[in-house]
Amino acid sequence: DDSQLAAVTWDKGPLLVDAGPGTGKTRTLIRRIEHLLGKGSRAGSFLALTFSNKAAEEMRERLSAMNADAAIEMWVGTFHAFGLELLTRWPSSVGRTSNVRVLDRTGSLALLEANLDKLPLRYYQNLYEPAYELVPMLQVISRCKDELITPIQYREAADAAMAKAKTDEEGEAAERVQEIAEIYRIYEEALEKEDAVDFGDLIRLALELIQNNSEVKEYIAGFKHVLVDEFQDVNSASDALLRAICSKNSDVWVVADQRQSIYRFRGAEPSNVSNFEKTFGGSRRPLAQNYRSFASVVSTFKRFSEVMGDGAMAGAWGAKRAN
């Protein structure tokens, strides 16, 4: 439709496509790539990223159906998979080897347990089941990495909180944060010693590589067209990685629906959507036609959102229903 075509052929700088449910966002993304290939862009100059494995697989399938030969040359996958590729190609720059292991939550927990004697556990000590208290520690560390907060920065924040504490309760709260900060530091040292990374490191260390390694910068500069699906589900670290990738004047084109963010429990930051124009100096265009829901569903949602005080949300979601 007209709104999809406008997004496909956009040539005025960075663009965020505001695509509500049923508006054909992935179809539009694929047609965007087809359009650019038709204008002479090299297949190897495309970097297509998304947050979940499921969305990445759908992109690969649709690109293969569109142009199998071109799809092979494009880099298509998740932010984490792209980060892993950078780490395995330039491991020594971040203190790892080519055999670096990626730890899941169970692996990270086992690593902390293996270093239990080094952990300064006081508030978070559980003699009957040590791992019981370590799980929430890993959740805090994971969120720190999602926000690109280092152990040093976390410790500084803990010390600042202690300096401002005026009551016993505030003092204890600050001490708890200090304890977590020390566990975070020990955990990071253990990861490097074991030649391992966790999921947060795949983004954090990839960003470090792009910022500090000239070979990586040259490799990244080869991606002239960067497309992102499900942009509302990326976290702050992934947003920073995207900005670093696009710092060489790449064509950045993202699809998002702030109302469909489902990964906040994993650090997703929907405000990246509302800040896109300011962050990338770009524009925003909506997909206007809902091909999935009947008119009664669309109108019900519109009335509901108006009662909730966000009429703009209903308009962006799609006030029209095809057929």
C-alpha atoms as a PDB file:
ATOM      1  CA  ASP A   1       0.000   0.000   0.000  1.00  0.00           C
ATOM      2  CA  ASP A   2       1.038   3.643  -0.182  1.00  0.00           C
ATOM      3  CA  SER A   3       2.444   3.814   3.355  1.00  0.00           C
ATOM      4  CA  GLN A   4       4.513   0.656   2.803  1.00  0.00           C
ATOM      5  CA  LEU A   5       5.808   1.944  -0.533  1.00  0.00           C
ATOM      6  CA  ALA A   6       6.858   5.242   1.057  1.00  0.00           C
ATOM      7  CA  ALA A   7       8.869   3.329   3.681  1.00  0.00           C
ATOM      8  CA  VAL A   8      10.406   0.990   1.090  1.00  0.00           C
ATOM      9  CA  THR A   9      11.631   3.798  -1.165  1.00  0.00           C
ATOM     10  CA  TRP A  10      12.667   6.239   1.582  1.00  0.00           C
ATOM     11  CA  ASP A  11      15.923   8.037   0.723  1.00  0.00           C
ATOM     12  CA  LYS A  12      16.066  10.981   3.125  1.00  0.00           C
ATOM     13  CA  GLY A  13      18.288   9.627   5.902  1.00  0.00           C
ATOM     14  CA  PRO A  14      17.605   7.379   8.925  1.00  0.00           C
ATOM     15  CA  LEU A  15      14.033   6.147   9.184  1.00  0.00           C
ATOM     16  CA  LEU A  16      11.920   4.513  11.879  1.00  0.00           C
ATOM     17  CA  VAL A  17       8.889   2.706  10.477  1.00  0.00           C
ATOM     18  CA  ASP A  18       6.130   2.759  13.084  1.00  0.00           C
ATOM     19  CA  ALA A  19       4.417  -0.540  12.347  1.00  0.00           C
ATOM     20  CA  GLY A  20       1.498  -1.730  14.419  1.00  0.00           C
ATOM     21  CA  PRO A  21       0.205  -5.330  14.483  1.00  0.00           C
ATOM     22  CA  GLY A  22      -0.865  -6.650  11.098  1.00  0.00           C
ATOM     23  CA  THR A  23       0.583  -3.794   9.038  1.00  0.00           C
ATOM     24  CA  GLY A  24       3.066  -5.961   7.103  1.00  0.00           C
ATOM     25  CA  LYS A  25       6.263  -4.721   8.721  1.00  0.00           C
ATOM     26  CA  THR A  26       8.475  -7.701   7.834  1.00  0.00           C
ATOM     27  CA  ARG A  27       7.117  -7.708   4.293  1.00  0.00           C
ATOM     28  CA  THR A  28       8.004  -4.024   4.046  1.00  0.00           C
ATOM     29  CA  LEU A  29      11.528  -4.674   5.359  1.00  0.00           C
ATOM     30  CA  ILE A  30      12.115  -7.391   2.761  1.00  0.00           C
ATOM     31  CA  ARG A  31      10.807  -5.157  -0.018  1.00  0.00           C
ATOM     32  CA  ARG A  32      13.134  -2.414   1.227  1.00  0.00           C
ATOM     33  CA  ILE A  33      16.111  -4.721   0.690  1.00  0.00           C
ATOM     34  CA  GLU A  34      14.766  -5.795  -2.714  1.00  0.00           C
ATOM     35  CA  HIS A  35      14.377  -2.132  -3.689  1.00  0.00           C
ATOM     36  CA  LEU A  36      17.964  -1.274  -2.713  1.00  0.00           C
ATOM     37  CA  LEU A  37      19.346  -4.318  -4.517  1.00  0.00           C
ATOM     38  CA  GLY A  38      17.460  -3.188  -7.599  1.00  0.00           C
ATOM     39  CA  LYS A  39      19.180   0.185  -7.353  1.00  0.00           C
ATOM     40  CA  GLY A  40      22.601  -1.506  -7.437  1.00  0.00           C
ATOM     41  CA  SER A  41      23.521  -2.036  -3.775  1.00  0.00           C
ATOM     42  CA  ARG A  42      25.809  -5.004  -3.125  1.00  0.00           C
ATOM     43  CA  ALA A  43      24.264  -7.882  -1.195  1.00  0.00           C
ATOM     44  CA  GLY A  44      27.297  -8.004   1.100  1.00  0.00           C
ATOM     45  CA  SER A  45      26.679  -4.405   2.191  1.00  0.00           C
ATOM     46  CA  PHE A  46      23.482  -5.341   4.061  1.00  0.00           C
ATOM     47  CA  LEU A  47      23.356  -5.948   7.802  1.00  0.00           C
ATOM     48  CA  ALA A  48      19.915  -7.057   9.012  1.00  0.00           C
ATOM     49  CA  LEU A  49      19.517  -7.345  12.786  1.00  0.00           C
ATOM     50  CA  THR A  50      16.773  -8.251  15.207  1.00  0.00           C
ATOM     51  CA  PHE A  51      16.440  -9.217  18.866  1.00  0.00           C
ATOM     52  CA  SER A  52      14.976 -12.732  18.902  1.00  0.00           C
ATOM     53  CA  ASN A  53      16.103 -15.912  17.145  1.00  0.00           C
ATOM     54  CA  LYS A  54      12.567 -16.458  15.862  1.00  0.00           C
ATOM     55  CA  ALA A  55      12.419 -13.069  14.141  1.00  0.00           C
ATOM     56  CA  ALA A  56      15.910 -13.600  12.688  1.00  0.00           C
ATOM     57  CA  GLU A  57      14.916 -16.954  11.225  1.00  0.00           C
ATOM     58  CA  GLU A  58      11.814 -15.433   9.656  1.00  0.00           C
ATOM     59  CA  MET A  59      13.933 -12.724   8.032  1.00  0.00           C
ATOM     60  CA  ARG A  60      16.364 -15.302   6.628  1.00  0.00           C
ATOM     61  CA  GLU A  61      13.531 -17.399   5.192  1.00  0.00           C
ATOM     62  CA  ARG A  62      11.853 -14.447   3.523  1.00  0.00           C
ATOM     63  CA  LEU A  63      15.118 -13.102   2.119  1.00  0.00           C
ATOM     64  CA  SER A  64      15.964 -16.519   0.703  1.00  0.00           C
ATOM     65  CA  ALA A  65      12.561 -16.657  -0.975  1.00  0.00           C
ATOM     66  CA  MET A  66      13.091 -13.154  -2.360  1.00  0.00           C
ATOM     67  CA  ASN A  67      16.661 -13.709  -3.688  1.00  0.00           C
ATOM     68  CA  ALA A  68      18.498 -16.820  -2.522  1.00  0.00           C
ATOM     69  CA  ASP A  69      21.882 -15.827  -3.945  1.00  0.00           C
ATOM     70  CA  ALA A  70      21.791 -12.333  -2.420  1.00  0.00           C
ATOM     71  CA  ALA A  71      20.555 -13.688   0.932  1.00  0.00           C
ATOM     72  CA  ILE A  72      23.697 -15.823   1.274  1.00  0.00           C
ATOM     73  CA  GLU A  73      25.932 -12.748   1.053  1.00  0.00           C
ATOM     74  CA  MET A  74      23.955 -10.647   3.541  1.00  0.00           C
ATOM     75  CA  TRP A  75      24.580 -10.729   7.294  1.00  0.00           C
ATOM     76  CA  VAL A  76      21.242 -11.581   8.885  1.00  0.00           C
ATOM     77  CA  GLY A  77      20.770 -12.486  12.556  1.00  0.00           C
ATOM     78  CA  THR A  78      20.399 -11.268  16.110  1.00  0.00           C
ATOM     79  CA  PHE A  79      22.406  -8.536  17.810  1.00  0.00           C
ATOM     80  CA  HIS A  80      23.939 -11.202  20.041  1.00  0.00           C
ATOM     81  CA  ALA A  81      24.945 -13.419  17.122  1.00  0.00           C
ATOM     82  CA  PHE A  82      26.594 -10.451  15.408  1.00  0.00           C
ATOM     83  CA  GLY A  83      28.438  -9.622  18.617  1.00  0.00           C
ATOM     84  CA  LEU A  84      29.645 -13.218  18.870  1.00  0.00           C
ATOM     85  CA  GLU A  85      31.021 -13.066  15.339  1.00  0.00           C
ATOM     86  CA  LEU A  86      33.058  -9.975  16.180  1.00  0.00           C
ATOM     87  CA  LEU A  87      34.348 -11.579  19.388  1.00  0.00           C
ATOM     88  CA  THR A  88      35.429 -14.788  17.675  1.00  0.00           C
ATOM     89  CA  ARG A  89      37.160 -12.892  14.857  1.00  0.00           C
ATOM     90  CA  TRP A  90      39.014 -10.471  17.126  1.00  0.00           C
ATOM     91  CA  PRO A  91      39.110 -12.244  20.525  1.00  0.00           C
ATOM     92  CA  SER A  92      42.522 -11.084  21.729  1.00  0.00           C
ATOM     93  CA  SER A  93      41.388  -7.452  21.691  1.00  0.00           C
ATOM     94  CA  VAL A  94      38.969  -8.224  24.543  1.00  0.00           C
ATOM     95  CA  GLY A  95      41.125 -10.668  26.492  1.00  0.00           C
ATOM     96  CA  ARG A  96      39.696 -13.876  25.006  1.00  0.00           C
ATOM     97  CA  THR A  97      40.804 -16.590  22.561  1.00  0.00           C
ATOM     98  CA  SER A  98      39.195 -18.053  19.444  1.00  0.00           C
ATOM     99  CA  ASN A  99      37.851 -20.857  21.658  1.00  0.00           C
ATOM    100  CA  VAL A 100      35.841 -18.453  23.824  1.00  0.00           C
ATOM    101  CA  ARG A 101      32.779 -20.067  25.426  1.00  0.00           C
ATOM    102  CA  VAL A 102      29.368 -18.428  25.729  1.00  0.00           C
ATOM    103  CA  LEU A 103      27.762 -19.161  29.097  1.00  0.00           C
ATOM    104  CA  ASP A 104      24.014 -19.345  29.553  1.00  0.00           C
ATOM    105  CA  ARG A 105      22.440 -18.555  32.928  1.00  0.00           C
ATOM    106  CA  THR A 106      23.237 -22.048  34.235  1.00  0.00           C
ATOM    107  CA  GLY A 107      26.860 -21.723  33.156  1.00  0.00           C
ATOM    108  CA  SER A 108      27.188 -18.328  34.811  1.00  0.00           C
ATOM    109  CA  LEU A 109      25.729 -19.715  38.026  1.00  0.00           C
ATOM    110  CA  ALA A 110      28.190 -22.619  37.950  1.00  0.00           C
ATOM    111  CA  LEU A 111      31.049 -20.151  37.494  1.00  0.00           C
ATOM    112  CA  LEU A 112      29.996 -18.162  40.563  1.00  0.00           C
ATOM    113  CA  GLU A 113      29.610 -21.343  42.593  1.00  0.00           C
ATOM    114  CA  ALA A 114      33.119 -22.424  41.562  1.00  0.00           C
ATOM    115  CA  ASN A 115      34.402 -19.134  42.994  1.00  0.00           C
ATOM    116  CA  LEU A 116      32.187 -19.181  46.078  1.00  0.00           C
ATOM    117  CA  ASP A 117      35.139 -18.991  48.470  1.00  0.00           C
ATOM    118  CA  LYS A 118      36.171 -15.657  46.902  1.00  0.00           C
ATOM    119  CA  LEU A 119      32.767 -14.011  47.194  1.00  0.00           C
ATOM    120  CA  PRO A 120      32.414 -11.582  50.132  1.00  0.00           C
ATOM    121  CA  LEU A 121      28.979 -12.900  51.054  1.00  0.00           C
ATOM    122  CA  ARG A 122      27.339 -11.349  54.059  1.00  0.00           C
ATOM    123  CA  TYR A 123      23.843 -10.167  53.298  1.00  0.00           C
ATOM    124  CA  TYR A 124      23.481 -12.668  50.481  1.00  0.00           C
ATOM    125  CA  GLN A 125      24.913 -15.717  52.193  1.00  0.00           C
ATOM    126  CA  ASN A 126      22.842 -18.878  52.345  1.00  0.00           C
ATOM    127  CA  LEU A 127      24.667 -21.778  53.990  1.00  0.00           C
ATOM    128  CA  TYR A 128      21.982 -24.323  53.141  1.00  0.00           C
ATOM    129  CA  GLU A 129      21.637 -23.420  49.459  1.00  0.00           C
ATOM    130  CA  PRO A 130      24.357 -20.951  48.277  1.00  0.00           C
ATOM    131  CA  ALA A 131      23.014 -20.801  44.721  1.00  0.00           C
ATOM    132  CA  TYR A 132      19.667 -19.517  45.972  1.00  0.00           C
ATOM    133  CA  GLU A 133      21.114 -16.059  46.611  1.00  0.00           C
ATOM    134  CA  LEU A 134      23.434 -16.100  43.592  1.00  0.00           C
ATOM    135  CA  VAL A 135      20.586 -16.166  41.056  1.00  0.00           C
ATOM    136  CA  PRO A 136      19.351 -12.623  41.862  1.00  0.00           C
ATOM    137  CA  MET A 137      23.011 -11.497  41.856  1.00  0.00           C
ATOM    138  CA  LEU A 138      23.305 -12.642  38.251  1.00  0.00           C
ATOM    139  CA  GLN A 139      20.094 -10.820  37.398  1.00  0.00           C
ATOM    140  CA  VAL A 140      21.567  -7.576  38.727  1.00  0.00           C
ATOM    141  CA  ILE A 141      24.815  -8.147  36.829  1.00  0.00           C
ATOM    142  CA  SER A 142      22.879  -8.900  33.644  1.00  0.00           C
ATOM    143  CA  ARG A 143      20.902  -5.682  33.965  1.00  0.00           C
ATOM    144  CA  CYS A 144      24.133  -3.754  34.553  1.00  0.00           C
ATOM    145  CA  LYS A 145      25.510  -5.100  31.283  1.00  0.00           C
ATOM    146  CA  ASP A 146      22.260  -4.221  29.511  1.00  0.00           C
ATOM    147  CA  GLU A 147      22.869  -0.648  30.676  1.00  0.00           C
ATOM    148  CA  LEU A 148      26.647  -0.781  29.956  1.00  0.00           C
ATOM    149  CA  ILE A 149      27.480  -0.294  33.624  1.00  0.00           C
ATOM    150  CA  THR A 150      30.918  -1.673  34.526  1.00  0.00           C
ATOM    151  CA  PRO A 151      31.888  -3.149  37.921  1.00  0.00           C
ATOM    152  CA  ILE A 152      33.867   0.021  38.650  1.00  0.00           C
ATOM    153  CA  GLN A 153      30.896   2.263  37.881  1.00  0.00           C
ATOM    154  CA  TYR A 154      28.589   0.102  39.965  1.00  0.00           C
ATOM    155  CA  ARG A 155      31.013   0.227  42.887  1.00  0.00           C
ATOM    156  CA  GLU A 156      31.301   3.997  42.593  1.00  0.00           C
ATOM    157  CA  ALA A 157      27.496   4.298  42.717  1.00  0.00           C
ATOM    158  CA  ALA A 158      27.415   2.024  45.777  1.00  0.00           C
ATOM    159  CA  ASP A 159      30.087   4.072  47.538  1.00  0.00           C
ATOM    160  CA  ALA A 160      28.245   7.288  46.720  1.00  0.00           C
ATOM    161  CA  ALA A 161      25.067   5.844  48.214  1.00  0.00           C
ATOM    162  CA  MET A 162      26.978   4.902  51.362  1.00  0.00           C
ATOM    163  CA  ALA A 163      28.410   8.415  51.666  1.00  0.00           C
ATOM    164  CA  LYS A 164      24.892   9.870  51.495  1.00  0.00           C
ATOM    165  CA  ALA A 165      23.320   7.371  53.888  1.00  0.00           C
ATOM    166  CA  LYS A 166      21.804   9.073  56.941  1.00  0.00           C
ATOM    167  CA  THR A 167      19.971   6.187  58.592  1.00  0.00           C
ATOM    168  CA  ASP A 168      20.815   2.605  59.480  1.00  0.00           C
ATOM    169  CA  GLU A 169      18.402   1.399  56.818  1.00  0.00           C
ATOM    170  CA  GLU A 170      20.042   3.524  54.128  1.00  0.00           C
ATOM    171  CA  GLY A 171      23.461   2.355  55.293  1.00  0.00           C
ATOM    172  CA  GLU A 172      22.453  -1.294  55.084  1.00  0.00           C
ATOM    173  CA  ALA A 173      20.967  -0.794  51.625  1.00  0.00           C
ATOM    174  CA  ALA A 174      24.233   0.777  50.454  1.00  0.00           C
ATOM    175  CA  GLU A 175      26.247  -2.071  51.952  1.00  0.00           C
ATOM    176  CA  ARG A 176      24.129  -4.568  50.054  1.00  0.00           C
ATOM    177  CA  VAL A 177      24.900  -2.748  46.812  1.00  0.00           C
ATOM    178  CA  GLN A 178      28.602  -2.701  47.699  1.00  0.00           C
ATOM    179  CA  GLU A 179      28.460  -6.448  48.232  1.00  0.00           C
ATOM    180  CA  ILE A 180      26.903  -6.976  44.803  1.00  0.00           C
ATOM    181  CA  ALA A 181      29.508  -4.684  43.232  1.00  0.00           C
ATOM    182  CA  GLU A 182      32.331  -6.818  44.625  1.00  0.00           C
ATOM    183  CA  ILE A 183      30.621 -10.007  43.395  1.00  0.00           C
ATOM    184  CA  TYR A 184      30.285  -8.377  39.964  1.00  0.00           C
ATOM    185  CA  ARG A 185      34.034  -7.620  39.899  1.00  0.00           C
ATOM    186  CA  ILE A 186      34.988 -11.163  40.878  1.00  0.00           C
ATOM    187  CA  TYR A 187      32.570 -12.604  38.324  1.00  0.00           C
ATOM    188  CA  GLU A 188      34.123 -10.526  35.524  1.00  0.00           C
ATOM    189  CA  GLU A 189      37.628 -11.668  36.483  1.00  0.00           C
ATOM    190  CA  ALA A 190      36.448 -15.285  36.527  1.00  0.00           C
ATOM    191  CA  LEU A 191      34.920 -14.935  33.050  1.00  0.00           C
ATOM    192  CA  GLU A 192      38.180 -13.679  31.583  1.00  0.00           C
ATOM    193  CA  LYS A 193      40.226 -16.338  33.384  1.00  0.00           C
ATOM    194  CA  GLU A 194      37.947 -19.092  32.042  1.00  0.00           C
ATOM    195  CA  ASP A 195      37.969 -17.635  28.497  1.00  0.00           C
ATOM    196  CA  ALA A 196      34.209 -17.193  28.648  1.00  0.00           C
ATOM    197  CA  VAL A 197      31.544 -14.558  28.095  1.00  0.00           C
ATOM    198  CA  ASP A 198      27.873 -14.294  28.969  1.00  0.00           C
ATOM    199  CA  PHE A 199      25.063 -12.937  26.796  1.00  0.00           C
ATOM    200  CA  GLY A 200      25.531  -9.390  28.037  1.00  0.00           C
ATOM    201  CA  ASP A 201      29.199  -9.511  27.015  1.00  0.00           C
ATOM    202  CA  LEU A 202      28.268 -10.321  23.424  1.00  0.00           C
ATOM    203  CA  ILE A 203      26.897  -6.798  23.100  1.00  0.00           C
ATOM    204  CA  ARG A 204      29.187  -4.979  25.530  1.00  0.00           C
ATOM    205  CA  LEU A 205      32.455  -6.382  24.173  1.00  0.00           C
ATOM    206  CA  ALA A 206      31.326  -6.046  20.558  1.00  0.00           C
ATOM    207  CA  LEU A 207      30.739  -2.350  21.208  1.00  0.00           C
ATOM    208  CA  GLU A 208      34.204  -2.102  22.765  1.00  0.00           C
ATOM    209  CA  LEU A 209      35.715  -3.714  19.660  1.00  0.00           C
ATOM    210  CA  ILE A 210      34.010  -1.306  17.278  1.00  0.00           C
ATOM    211  CA  GLN A 211      35.140   1.663  19.345  1.00  0.00           C
ATOM    212  CA  ASN A 212      38.762   0.602  19.829  1.00  0.00           C
ATOM    213  CA  ASN A 213      39.876  -1.757  17.034  1.00  0.00           C
ATOM    214  CA  SER A 214      40.714  -0.270  13.631  1.00  0.00           C
ATOM    215  CA  GLU A 215      40.243  -3.592  11.821  1.00  0.00           C
ATOM    216  CA  VAL A 216      36.766  -3.959  13.267  1.00  0.00           C
ATOM    217  CA  LYS A 217      35.938  -0.378  12.294  1.00  0.00           C
ATOM    218  CA  GLU A 218      36.992  -1.149   8.719  1.00  0.00           C
ATOM    219  CA  TYR A 219      34.853  -4.296   8.693  1.00  0.00           C
ATOM    220  CA  ILE A 220      31.828  -2.449  10.037  1.00  0.00           C
ATOM    221  CA  ALA A 221      32.254   0.314   7.447  1.00  0.00           C
ATOM    222  CA  GLY A 222      31.461  -2.272   4.765  1.00  0.00           C
ATOM    223  CA  PHE A 223      27.830  -2.417   5.880  1.00  0.00           C
ATOM    224  CA  LYS A 224      26.224   0.431   3.988  1.00  0.00           C
ATOM    225  CA  HIS A 225      22.643  -0.583   4.741  1.00  0.00           C
ATOM    226  CA  VAL A 226      21.645  -1.470   8.314  1.00  0.00           C
ATOM    227  CA  LEU A 227      18.096  -2.692   8.883  1.00  0.00           C
ATOM    228  CA  VAL A 228      16.582  -3.620  12.244  1.00  0.00           C
ATOM    229  CA  ASP A 229      13.373  -5.527  12.886  1.00  0.00           C
ATOM    230  CA  GLU A 230      11.593  -5.465  16.280  1.00  0.00           C
ATOM    231  CA  PHE A 231      13.576  -2.378  17.299  1.00  0.00           C
ATOM    232  CA  GLN A 232      11.305  -1.888  20.327  1.00  0.00           C
ATOM    233  CA  ASP A 233      12.813  -5.011  21.914  1.00  0.00           C
ATOM    234  CA  VAL A 234      16.475  -3.941  21.911  1.00  0.00           C
ATOM    235  CA  ASN A 235      18.069  -2.901  25.188  1.00  0.00           C
ATOM    236  CA  SER A 236      20.231   0.141  25.860  1.00  0.00           C
ATOM    237  CA  ALA A 237      23.446  -1.740  25.098  1.00  0.00           C
ATOM    238  CA  SER A 238      22.109  -2.966  21.734  1.00  0.00           C
ATOM    239  CA  ASP A 239      20.997   0.566  20.910  1.00  0.00           C
ATOM    240  CA  ALA A 240      24.519   1.801  21.652  1.00  0.00           C
ATOM    241  CA  LEU A 241      25.919  -0.979  19.451  1.00  0.00           C
ATOM    242  CA  LEU A 242      23.617   0.085  16.624  1.00  0.00           C
ATOM    243  CA  ARG A 243      24.764   3.686  16.966  1.00  0.00           C
ATOM    244  CA  ALA A 244      28.396   2.549  16.794  1.00  0.00           C
ATOM    245  CA  ILE A 245      27.703   0.448  13.697  1.00  0.00           C
ATOM    246  CA  CYS A 246      25.983   3.375  11.992  1.00  0.00           C
ATOM    247  CA  SER A 247      28.617   5.946  12.936  1.00  0.00           C
ATOM    248  CA  LYS A 248      30.186   5.606   9.466  1.00  0.00           C
ATOM    249  CA  ASN A 249      27.156   7.164   7.759  1.00  0.00           C
ATOM    250  CA  SER A 250      25.409   3.874   7.096  1.00  0.00           C
ATOM    251  CA  ASP A 251      21.824   3.914   5.866  1.00  0.00           C
ATOM    252  CA  VAL A 252      19.854   2.913   8.996  1.00  0.00           C
ATOM    253  CA  TRP A 253      16.237   1.793   8.642  1.00  0.00           C
ATOM    254  CA  VAL A 254      14.362   0.270  11.577  1.00  0.00           C
ATOM    255  CA  VAL A 255      10.920  -1.199  12.162  1.00  0.00           C
ATOM    256  CA  ALA A 256       9.309  -0.837  15.581  1.00  0.00           C
ATOM    257  CA  ASP A 257       6.109  -0.762  17.542  1.00  0.00           C
ATOM    258  CA  GLN A 258       6.580   0.599  21.037  1.00  0.00           C
ATOM    259  CA  ARG A 259       3.293  -0.992  22.096  1.00  0.00           C
ATOM    260  CA  GLN A 260       4.504  -4.510  21.270  1.00  0.00           C
ATOM    261  CA  SER A 261       7.622  -4.580  23.453  1.00  0.00           C
ATOM    262  CA  ILE A 262       7.590  -7.971  25.205  1.00  0.00           C
ATOM    263  CA  TYR A 263      11.179  -8.281  26.435  1.00  0.00           C
ATOM    264  CA  ARG A 264      11.297  -5.661  29.185  1.00  0.00           C
ATOM    265  CA  PHE A 265      12.115  -8.456  31.637  1.00  0.00           C
ATOM    266  CA  ARG A 266      15.290  -8.997  29.580  1.00  0.00           C
ATOM    267  CA  GLY A 267      16.260  -5.338  29.554  1.00  0.00           C
ATOM    268  CA  ALA A 268      14.364  -4.133  26.469  1.00  0.00           C
ATOM    269  CA  GLU A 269      14.127  -0.356  26.449  1.00  0.00           C
ATOM    270  CA  PRO A 270      11.092   0.852  24.443  1.00  0.00           C
ATOM    271  CA  SER A 271      12.186   4.472  24.925  1.00  0.00           C
ATOM    272  CA  ASN A 272      14.747   3.790  22.185  1.00  0.00           C
ATOM    273  CA  VAL A 273      11.784   4.085  19.822  1.00  0.00           C
ATOM    274  CA  SER A 274      10.617   7.476  21.063  1.00  0.00           C
ATOM    275  CA  ASN A 275      14.218   8.735  21.051  1.00  0.00           C
ATOM    276  CA  PHE A 276      15.078   7.490  17.554  1.00  0.00           C
ATOM    277  CA  GLU A 277      14.668  10.798  15.772  1.00  0.00           C
ATOM    278  CA  LYS A 278      16.854  12.587  18.300  1.00  0.00           C
ATOM    279  CA  THR A 279      19.456   9.810  18.543  1.00  0.00           C
ATOM    280  CA  PHE A 280      19.922   9.163  14.830  1.00  0.00           C
ATOM    281  CA  GLY A 281      18.763  12.473  13.433  1.00  0.00           C
ATOM    282  CA  GLY A 282      16.146  10.627  11.449  1.00  0.00           C
ATOM    283  CA  SER A 283      12.465  10.631  10.566  1.00  0.00           C
ATOM    284  CA  ARG A 284       9.423   8.491  11.374  1.00  0.00           C
ATOM    285  CA  ARG A 285       6.703   7.150   9.119  1.00  0.00           C
ATOM    286  CA  PRO A 286       3.759   4.888  10.033  1.00  0.00           C
ATOM    287  CA  LEU A 287       2.360   1.887   8.225  1.00  0.00           C
ATOM    288  CA  ALA A 288      -1.296   2.850   8.047  1.00  0.00           C
ATOM    289  CA  GLN A 289      -3.189  -0.274   7.003  1.00  0.00           C
ATOM    290  CA  ASN A 290      -4.029  -3.171   9.326  1.00  0.00           C
ATOM    291  CA  TYR A 291      -4.317  -6.390   7.317  1.00  0.00           C
ATOM    292  CA  ARG A 292      -4.818  -8.742  10.247  1.00  0.00           C
ATOM    293  CA  SER A 293      -7.661  -7.432  12.423  1.00  0.00           C
ATOM    294  CA  PHE A 294     -11.298  -6.837  11.564  1.00  0.00           C
ATOM    295  CA  ALA A 295     -12.632  -3.303  11.788  1.00  0.00           C
ATOM    296  CA  SER A 296     -14.422  -4.120  15.048  1.00  0.00           C
ATOM    297  CA  VAL A 297     -11.103  -5.036  16.694  1.00  0.00           C
ATOM    298  CA  VAL A 298      -9.397  -1.875  15.452  1.00  0.00           C
ATOM    299  CA  SER A 299     -12.256   0.379  16.567  1.00  0.00           C
ATOM    300  CA  THR A 300     -12.410  -1.306  19.992  1.00  0.00           C
ATOM    301  CA  PHE A 301      -8.700  -0.759  20.490  1.00  0.00           C
ATOM    302  CA  LYS A 302      -9.043   2.861  19.404  1.00  0.00           C
ATOM    303  CA  ARG A 303     -11.832   3.509  21.926  1.00  0.00           C
ATOM    304  CA  PHE A 304      -9.895   1.744  24.683  1.00  0.00           C
ATOM    305  CA  SER A 305      -6.691   3.709  24.093  1.00  0.00           C
ATOM    306  CA  GLU A 306      -8.604   7.004  24.030  1.00  0.00           C
ATOM    307  CA  VAL A 307     -10.035   6.185  27.456  1.00  0.00           C
ATOM    308  CA  MET A 308      -6.502   5.433  28.605  1.00  0.00           C
ATOM    309  CA  GLY A 309      -5.435   8.904  27.500  1.00  0.00           C
ATOM    310  CA  ASP A 310      -3.257   7.929  24.554  1.00  0.00           C
ATOM    311  CA  GLY A 311      -5.243   8.573  21.431  1.00  0.00           C
ATOM    312  CA  ALA A 312      -2.065   8.946  19.400  1.00  0.00           C
ATOM    313  CA  MET A 313      -1.310   5.312  20.107  1.00  0.00           C
ATOM    314  CA  ALA A 314      -4.558   4.224  18.479  1.00  0.00           C
ATOM    315  CA  GLY A 315      -3.921   6.324  15.426  1.00  0.00           C
ATOM    316  CA  ALA A 316      -0.467   4.862  14.937  1.00  0.00           C
ATOM    317  CA  TRP A 317      -1.792   1.343  15.452  1.00  0.00           C
ATOM    318  CA  GLY A 318      -3.887   1.631  12.318  1.00  0.00           C
ATOM    319  CA  ALA A 319      -7.358   3.105  12.028  1.00  0.00           C
ATOM    320  CA  LYS A 320      -8.018   1.410   8.698  1.00  0.00           C
ATOM    321  CA  ARG A 321      -8.798  -2.193   7.980  1.00  0.00           C
ATOM    322  CA  ALA A 322      -8.083  -3.709   4.562  1.00  0.00           C
ATOM    323  CA  ASN A 323     -11.166  -5.040   2.742  1.00  0.00           C
END
